[in-house]
Amino acid sequence: MSKVPGLDPFGKILMGLGGLLFILGALLTFGGRLFRFGRLPGDILVQRGNFTFYFPILTCLILSIILSLIMRVFRR
C-alpha cells in the first residue's frame, strides 16, 4: 500500500474524531441511565402555565470542562 505524503496527521485526526463521536454517542444512548445530565441541581428550569424555559447551565459547564481536557490530550 503506498503512503501519500502529508495525509498521516489527517488520518490520525479522523480516527480521533471517530473515537470521540463513538464515545459521545454511547454516552447519549446509555448515559441517561447512568448519569443525570440535563437535570443537575445548577440547571435552570422555569415552568409557568403552558410555558417552559430550560437552560442547562451546570451541564454546559461540566461538558465544557470535559471537552477542554480531551482537546488538551489531543493537542500533545
N, C-alpha and C. Protein backbone atom coordinates (compact mmCIF):
# COMPACT_ATOMS: atom_id res chain seq x y z
N MET A 1 0.84 -1.17 0.00
CA MET A 1 0.00 0.00 0.00
C MET A 1 0.89 1.24 0.00
N SER A 2 0.67 2.14 -0.93
CA SER A 2 1.52 3.33 -0.99
C SER A 2 1.04 4.38 0.00
N LYS A 3 1.97 5.08 0.55
CA LYS A 3 1.67 6.11 1.54
C LYS A 3 1.72 7.47 0.87
N VAL A 4 0.63 8.24 1.00
CA VAL A 4 0.58 9.57 0.41
C VAL A 4 1.18 10.54 1.41
N PRO A 5 2.20 11.30 1.00
CA PRO A 5 2.84 12.22 1.94
C PRO A 5 1.88 13.34 2.37
N GLY A 6 1.93 13.63 3.66
CA GLY A 6 1.13 14.74 4.20
C GLY A 6 -0.24 14.34 4.72
N LEU A 7 -0.68 13.12 4.50
CA LEU A 7 -2.01 12.72 4.96
C LEU A 7 -1.99 11.94 6.27
N ASP A 8 -0.81 11.64 6.79
CA ASP A 8 -0.72 10.90 8.05
C ASP A 8 -1.37 11.65 9.21
N PRO A 9 -1.12 12.95 9.41
CA PRO A 9 -1.79 13.67 10.51
C PRO A 9 -3.30 13.75 10.32
N PHE A 10 -3.74 13.88 9.07
CA PHE A 10 -5.17 13.95 8.78
C PHE A 10 -5.86 12.64 9.16
N GLY A 11 -5.21 11.52 8.89
CA GLY A 11 -5.76 10.22 9.27
C GLY A 11 -5.88 10.07 10.77
N LYS A 12 -4.90 10.55 11.50
CA LYS A 12 -4.95 10.49 12.96
C LYS A 12 -6.07 11.36 13.50
N ILE A 13 -6.27 12.52 12.90
CA ILE A 13 -7.35 13.39 13.34
C ILE A 13 -8.70 12.73 13.10
N LEU A 14 -8.87 12.11 11.93
CA LEU A 14 -10.13 11.44 11.62
C LEU A 14 -10.40 10.27 12.57
N MET A 15 -9.36 9.51 12.91
CA MET A 15 -9.53 8.40 13.86
C MET A 15 -9.90 8.93 15.24
N GLY A 16 -9.25 10.01 15.66
CA GLY A 16 -9.57 10.61 16.96
C GLY A 16 -10.99 11.13 17.01
N LEU A 17 -11.41 11.82 15.95
CA LEU A 17 -12.79 12.33 15.90
C LEU A 17 -13.80 11.19 15.86
N GLY A 18 -13.47 10.12 15.15
CA GLY A 18 -14.36 8.97 15.10
C GLY A 18 -14.52 8.33 16.47
N GLY A 19 -13.42 8.20 17.19
CA GLY A 19 -13.48 7.66 18.55
C GLY A 19 -14.27 8.55 19.48
N LEU A 20 -14.06 9.86 19.34
CA LEU A 20 -14.78 10.82 20.17
C LEU A 20 -16.28 10.78 19.88
N LEU A 21 -16.64 10.68 18.60
CA LEU A 21 -18.06 10.58 18.24
C LEU A 21 -18.69 9.29 18.76
N PHE A 22 -17.91 8.20 18.73
CA PHE A 22 -18.42 6.93 19.26
C PHE A 22 -18.69 7.04 20.76
N ILE A 23 -17.76 7.63 21.49
CA ILE A 23 -17.92 7.79 22.94
C ILE A 23 -19.09 8.71 23.24
N LEU A 24 -19.21 9.80 22.50
CA LEU A 24 -20.32 10.73 22.69
C LEU A 24 -21.66 10.05 22.40
N GLY A 25 -21.71 9.27 21.34
CA GLY A 25 -22.93 8.54 21.01
C GLY A 25 -23.30 7.52 22.09
N ALA A 26 -22.31 6.83 22.62
CA ALA A 26 -22.57 5.86 23.69
C ALA A 26 -23.07 6.56 24.95
N LEU A 27 -22.48 7.72 25.27
CA LEU A 27 -22.95 8.47 26.44
C LEU A 27 -24.38 8.96 26.26
N LEU A 28 -24.70 9.42 25.06
CA LEU A 28 -26.06 9.89 24.82
C LEU A 28 -27.07 8.74 24.85
N THR A 29 -26.65 7.58 24.38
CA THR A 29 -27.55 6.42 24.36
C THR A 29 -27.74 5.81 25.74
N PHE A 30 -26.63 5.57 26.43
CA PHE A 30 -26.70 4.87 27.71
C PHE A 30 -26.50 5.79 28.91
N GLY A 31 -26.08 7.01 28.68
CA GLY A 31 -25.77 7.93 29.76
C GLY A 31 -26.97 8.37 30.57
N GLY A 32 -28.14 8.38 29.95
CA GLY A 32 -29.34 8.77 30.68
C GLY A 32 -29.64 7.86 31.85
N ARG A 33 -29.25 6.62 31.72
CA ARG A 33 -29.46 5.66 32.81
C ARG A 33 -28.39 5.76 33.88
N LEU A 34 -27.18 6.16 33.44
CA LEU A 34 -26.06 6.20 34.37
C LEU A 34 -25.89 7.58 35.00
N PHE A 35 -26.01 8.62 34.20
CA PHE A 35 -25.80 9.99 34.66
C PHE A 35 -27.10 10.76 34.49
N ARG A 36 -27.27 11.77 35.29
CA ARG A 36 -28.46 12.60 35.18
C ARG A 36 -28.12 13.94 34.51
N PHE A 37 -27.32 13.90 33.43
CA PHE A 37 -27.01 15.12 32.70
C PHE A 37 -28.30 15.73 32.18
N GLY A 38 -28.40 17.02 32.27
CA GLY A 38 -29.59 17.70 31.82
C GLY A 38 -30.55 18.01 32.95
N ARG A 39 -30.39 17.38 34.06
CA ARG A 39 -31.24 17.63 35.23
C ARG A 39 -30.40 17.76 36.50
N LEU A 40 -29.30 18.50 36.36
CA LEU A 40 -28.43 18.71 37.51
C LEU A 40 -28.96 19.85 38.37
N PRO A 41 -28.56 19.93 39.63
CA PRO A 41 -29.09 20.97 40.53
C PRO A 41 -28.83 22.41 40.06
N GLY A 42 -27.78 22.67 39.30
CA GLY A 42 -27.49 24.02 38.86
C GLY A 42 -28.18 24.43 37.57
N ASP A 43 -28.94 23.53 36.96
CA ASP A 43 -29.66 23.84 35.73
C ASP A 43 -30.91 24.65 36.05
N ILE A 44 -31.24 25.59 35.16
CA ILE A 44 -32.37 26.48 35.39
C ILE A 44 -33.60 25.92 34.69
N LEU A 45 -34.69 25.79 35.42
CA LEU A 45 -35.96 25.31 34.88
C LEU A 45 -37.07 26.21 35.39
N VAL A 46 -37.80 26.84 34.48
CA VAL A 46 -38.92 27.72 34.83
C VAL A 46 -40.15 27.18 34.12
N GLN A 47 -41.18 26.84 34.89
CA GLN A 47 -42.44 26.36 34.32
C GLN A 47 -43.56 27.25 34.81
N ARG A 48 -44.26 27.86 33.86
CA ARG A 48 -45.40 28.71 34.18
C ARG A 48 -46.49 28.45 33.15
N GLY A 49 -47.56 27.84 33.57
CA GLY A 49 -48.67 27.55 32.65
C GLY A 49 -48.21 26.67 31.50
N ASN A 50 -48.40 27.17 30.28
CA ASN A 50 -48.02 26.43 29.08
C ASN A 50 -46.59 26.73 28.65
N PHE A 51 -45.87 27.54 29.40
CA PHE A 51 -44.51 27.96 29.05
C PHE A 51 -43.49 27.23 29.91
N THR A 52 -42.47 26.68 29.25
CA THR A 52 -41.36 26.03 29.96
C THR A 52 -40.06 26.55 29.39
N PHE A 53 -39.20 27.05 30.28
CA PHE A 53 -37.87 27.52 29.89
C PHE A 53 -36.85 26.67 30.63
N TYR A 54 -35.92 26.10 29.88
CA TYR A 54 -34.91 25.24 30.48
C TYR A 54 -33.55 25.65 29.94
N PHE A 55 -32.61 25.96 30.84
CA PHE A 55 -31.25 26.29 30.46
C PHE A 55 -30.29 25.46 31.31
N PRO A 56 -29.63 24.47 30.70
CA PRO A 56 -28.74 23.57 31.45
C PRO A 56 -27.35 24.17 31.69
N ILE A 57 -27.27 25.18 32.54
CA ILE A 57 -26.01 25.90 32.72
C ILE A 57 -24.92 25.02 33.37
N LEU A 58 -25.26 24.26 34.38
CA LEU A 58 -24.25 23.41 35.02
C LEU A 58 -23.83 22.27 34.09
N THR A 59 -24.77 21.72 33.35
CA THR A 59 -24.45 20.68 32.39
C THR A 59 -23.50 21.22 31.33
N CYS A 60 -23.73 22.45 30.85
CA CYS A 60 -22.85 23.06 29.86
C CYS A 60 -21.45 23.27 30.42
N LEU A 61 -21.35 23.69 31.67
CA LEU A 61 -20.04 23.89 32.29
C LEU A 61 -19.27 22.58 32.42
N ILE A 62 -19.95 21.54 32.84
CA ILE A 62 -19.30 20.24 33.00
C ILE A 62 -18.84 19.70 31.65
N LEU A 63 -19.69 19.80 30.62
CA LEU A 63 -19.30 19.33 29.30
C LEU A 63 -18.15 20.15 28.73
N SER A 64 -18.13 21.44 29.00
CA SER A 64 -17.04 22.29 28.54
C SER A 64 -15.71 21.88 29.18
N ILE A 65 -15.73 21.59 30.45
CA ILE A 65 -14.51 21.15 31.13
C ILE A 65 -14.03 19.82 30.57
N ILE A 66 -14.95 18.88 30.38
CA ILE A 66 -14.58 17.57 29.85
C ILE A 66 -14.00 17.69 28.44
N LEU A 67 -14.66 18.47 27.59
CA LEU A 67 -14.16 18.64 26.22
C LEU A 67 -12.83 19.38 26.19
N SER A 68 -12.63 20.32 27.09
CA SER A 68 -11.35 21.02 27.16
C SER A 68 -10.22 20.07 27.54
N LEU A 69 -10.49 19.18 28.48
CA LEU A 69 -9.48 18.19 28.87
C LEU A 69 -9.16 17.23 27.72
N ILE A 70 -10.20 16.82 26.99
CA ILE A 70 -9.99 15.93 25.85
C ILE A 70 -9.16 16.63 24.78
N MET A 71 -9.48 17.88 24.49
CA MET A 71 -8.73 18.63 23.48
C MET A 71 -7.28 18.84 23.91
N ARG A 72 -7.04 19.03 25.19
CA ARG A 72 -5.67 19.20 25.69
C ARG A 72 -4.87 17.92 25.46
N VAL A 73 -5.50 16.76 25.64
CA VAL A 73 -4.82 15.49 25.41
C VAL A 73 -4.47 15.33 23.94
N PHE A 74 -5.39 15.70 23.03
CA PHE A 74 -5.14 15.53 21.60
C PHE A 74 -4.12 16.53 21.05
N ARG A 75 -3.96 17.66 21.69
CA ARG A 75 -3.00 18.66 21.21
C ARG A 75 -1.57 18.27 21.51
N ARG A 76 -1.33 17.38 22.43
CA ARG A 76 0.04 16.98 22.77
C ARG A 76 0.60 16.01 21.78
